[in-house]
Each structure stands twice: as C-alpha cells, then as structure tokens.
Amino acid sequence: MSDKIVIKGVEAHGYHGFYDFERETGQPFIVDAELKLDLSSAATHDDLDQSVDYNDLAILIHNEIKGEPARLAETVADRIARKILAAYERVDEVTVTLHKPRAPITVPYGDVAIVIKRSR
C-alpha cells in the first residue's frame, strides 16, 4: 500500500519516564504518526468516512500522551500505535515516532525518539 496519512508534531505534557522525578513533574512529548491505508475510495467518493479524520487522530494521540503514566517511552508509543489500529479499521499499518526532547541525558543531544511499527 502506497497511500499514507502523516501527522507530525502532536505535543502534550505527559508523566512518563523511568525516573520518579519524570513521573512527578512530567515533560513534553511529541508524536509523529504515519498511517498506511488505501485512500482510493475516499478520494474517488470525496468521503471522509472512507479515510481518517485528522482532528480525531490528533486527539487520540494527545490523549494517550496525557494518559496513564508509563515507565518507558516505548510503552507509550506502542499504546498509541495499537489504539490507532483499534480505532481505524481501514489502517493496515502504523508507524509512531515518539520524541522525548527533555529526556534525562547527561550529554548534549539533539533529539531522542522511539519508533514503533505495528500492522494488522
């Protein structure tokens, strides 16, 4: 499948992290998601019901970032990917990139991210 919907930069304050202080004070998380699905029917019929509503997708991601704390960013990315597949039957595969720009890394760095790919 070559059709995709891509959303980048969904940001929210979450309380995820390995260390207690991360779960107490929280930090920003930024998520990108790439959904692979057949968009031909949506395009032919000009019908949103045959695609994915970008706002609904963004809200799903945002709510998951703000949701139940996890010790690992990997867990949060996996939750997001699985919820996208559960919410949108048309999606065949999803890749979620979860950025943790304020990860407690003791040397200078530009970005750290977890990339999770899930499919049906």
Protein backbone atom coordinates (compact mmCIF):
# COMPACT_ATOMS: atom_id res chain seq x y z
CA MET A 1 0.00 0.00 0.00
CA SER A 2 1.48 3.31 -1.03
CA ASP A 3 -1.21 5.63 0.36
CA LYS A 4 -0.44 7.33 3.66
CA ILE A 5 -1.73 9.84 6.13
CA VAL A 6 1.03 11.53 8.11
CA ILE A 7 0.60 13.74 11.13
CA LYS A 8 3.63 15.37 12.75
CA GLY A 9 4.29 17.23 15.94
CA VAL A 10 1.33 16.34 18.16
CA GLU A 11 2.57 17.64 21.50
CA ALA A 12 1.36 17.22 25.07
CA HIS A 13 2.71 17.21 28.60
CA GLY A 14 2.96 13.64 29.88
CA TYR A 15 4.14 11.97 33.07
CA HIS A 16 6.11 9.12 31.57
CA GLY A 17 9.64 8.16 32.45
CA PHE A 18 11.89 5.68 34.13
CA TYR A 19 12.82 8.01 36.96
CA ASP A 20 10.40 9.07 39.70
CA PHE A 21 11.02 12.78 39.05
CA GLU A 22 9.92 12.33 35.42
CA ARG A 23 6.61 10.85 36.52
CA GLU A 24 6.15 13.55 39.17
CA THR A 25 6.90 16.70 37.17
CA GLY A 26 6.25 15.43 33.66
CA GLN A 27 7.70 16.73 30.44
CA PRO A 28 6.72 17.39 26.83
CA PHE A 29 6.35 14.53 24.38
CA ILE A 30 5.94 14.98 20.64
CA VAL A 31 4.46 12.32 18.38
CA ASP A 32 4.53 11.77 14.63
CA ALA A 33 2.35 9.06 13.10
CA GLU A 34 2.32 7.57 9.61
CA LEU A 35 -0.75 5.55 8.72
CA LYS A 36 -0.75 3.26 5.69
CA LEU A 37 -4.16 2.63 4.18
CA ASP A 38 -5.98 2.55 0.88
CA LEU A 39 -7.26 6.07 0.22
CA SER A 40 -8.57 5.42 -3.29
CA SER A 41 -12.22 5.09 -2.28
CA ALA A 42 -12.04 8.20 -0.07
CA ALA A 43 -10.53 10.16 -2.94
CA THR A 44 -12.93 8.83 -5.58
CA HIS A 45 -16.04 9.48 -3.47
CA ASP A 46 -14.72 12.60 -1.68
CA ASP A 47 -15.84 10.88 1.54
CA LEU A 48 -14.18 11.42 4.93
CA ASP A 49 -15.87 8.28 6.28
CA GLN A 50 -13.57 6.29 4.00
CA SER A 51 -10.46 7.98 5.37
CA VAL A 52 -9.24 9.10 8.81
CA ASP A 53 -10.28 12.40 10.39
CA TYR A 54 -7.04 14.25 11.19
CA ASN A 55 -8.53 16.00 14.19
CA ASP A 56 -9.78 12.75 15.71
CA LEU A 57 -6.36 11.21 15.12
CA ALA A 58 -4.60 14.14 16.78
CA ILE A 59 -6.93 13.97 19.78
CA LEU A 60 -6.33 10.22 20.15
CA ILE A 61 -2.56 10.78 20.19
CA HIS A 62 -2.80 13.80 22.51
CA ASN A 63 -4.98 11.92 24.99
CA GLU A 64 -2.62 8.98 25.07
CA ILE A 65 0.39 11.22 25.77
CA LYS A 66 -1.55 12.80 28.64
CA GLY A 67 -2.89 9.42 29.78
CA GLU A 68 -1.74 6.77 32.22
CA PRO A 69 1.94 7.18 33.07
CA ALA A 70 4.38 4.57 31.80
CA ARG A 71 7.98 3.98 32.77
CA LEU A 72 9.13 3.62 29.16
CA ALA A 73 8.55 5.78 26.11
CA GLU A 74 8.40 2.50 24.20
CA THR A 75 5.22 1.63 26.10
CA VAL A 76 3.58 4.95 25.23
CA ALA A 77 4.47 4.63 21.53
CA ASP A 78 3.12 1.07 21.47
CA ARG A 79 -0.13 2.15 23.15
CA ILE A 80 -0.61 4.88 20.56
CA ALA A 81 0.05 2.51 17.65
CA ARG A 82 -2.33 -0.13 18.97
CA LYS A 83 -5.07 2.42 19.69
CA ILE A 84 -4.80 3.79 16.15
CA LEU A 85 -5.19 0.30 14.71
CA ALA A 86 -8.15 -0.36 17.01
CA ALA A 87 -9.84 2.94 16.19
CA TYR A 88 -9.41 2.87 12.42
CA GLU A 89 -10.19 -0.43 10.69
CA ARG A 90 -9.00 0.99 7.36
CA VAL A 91 -5.43 1.42 8.61
CA ASP A 92 -3.23 -1.52 7.63
CA GLU A 93 -0.02 -0.35 9.28
CA VAL A 94 1.05 2.48 11.54
CA THR A 95 4.45 3.86 12.44
CA VAL A 96 4.60 6.00 15.57
CA THR A 97 7.62 8.13 16.41
CA LEU A 98 7.60 9.42 19.98
CA HIS A 99 10.10 12.21 20.66
CA LYS A 100 11.25 12.90 24.20
CA PRO A 101 13.05 16.24 23.84
CA ARG A 102 13.84 16.62 27.53
CA ALA A 103 14.99 13.11 28.27
CA PRO A 104 17.43 12.98 31.21
CA ILE A 105 20.55 12.51 29.09
CA THR A 106 23.74 13.85 30.65
CA VAL A 107 25.48 14.98 27.45
CA PRO A 108 24.34 17.39 24.73
CA TYR A 109 21.96 15.82 22.21
CA GLY A 110 19.55 16.97 19.55
CA ASP A 111 16.67 14.52 19.86
CA VAL A 112 15.81 11.10 21.17
CA ALA A 113 12.88 9.17 19.76
CA ILE A 114 11.28 5.76 19.83
CA VAL A 115 9.91 4.39 16.55
CA ILE A 116 7.28 1.66 16.73
CA LYS A 117 5.69 -0.01 13.69
CA ARG A 118 2.57 -2.15 14.07
CA SER A 119 0.34 -3.77 11.47
CA ARG A 120 -2.71 -5.99 11.25
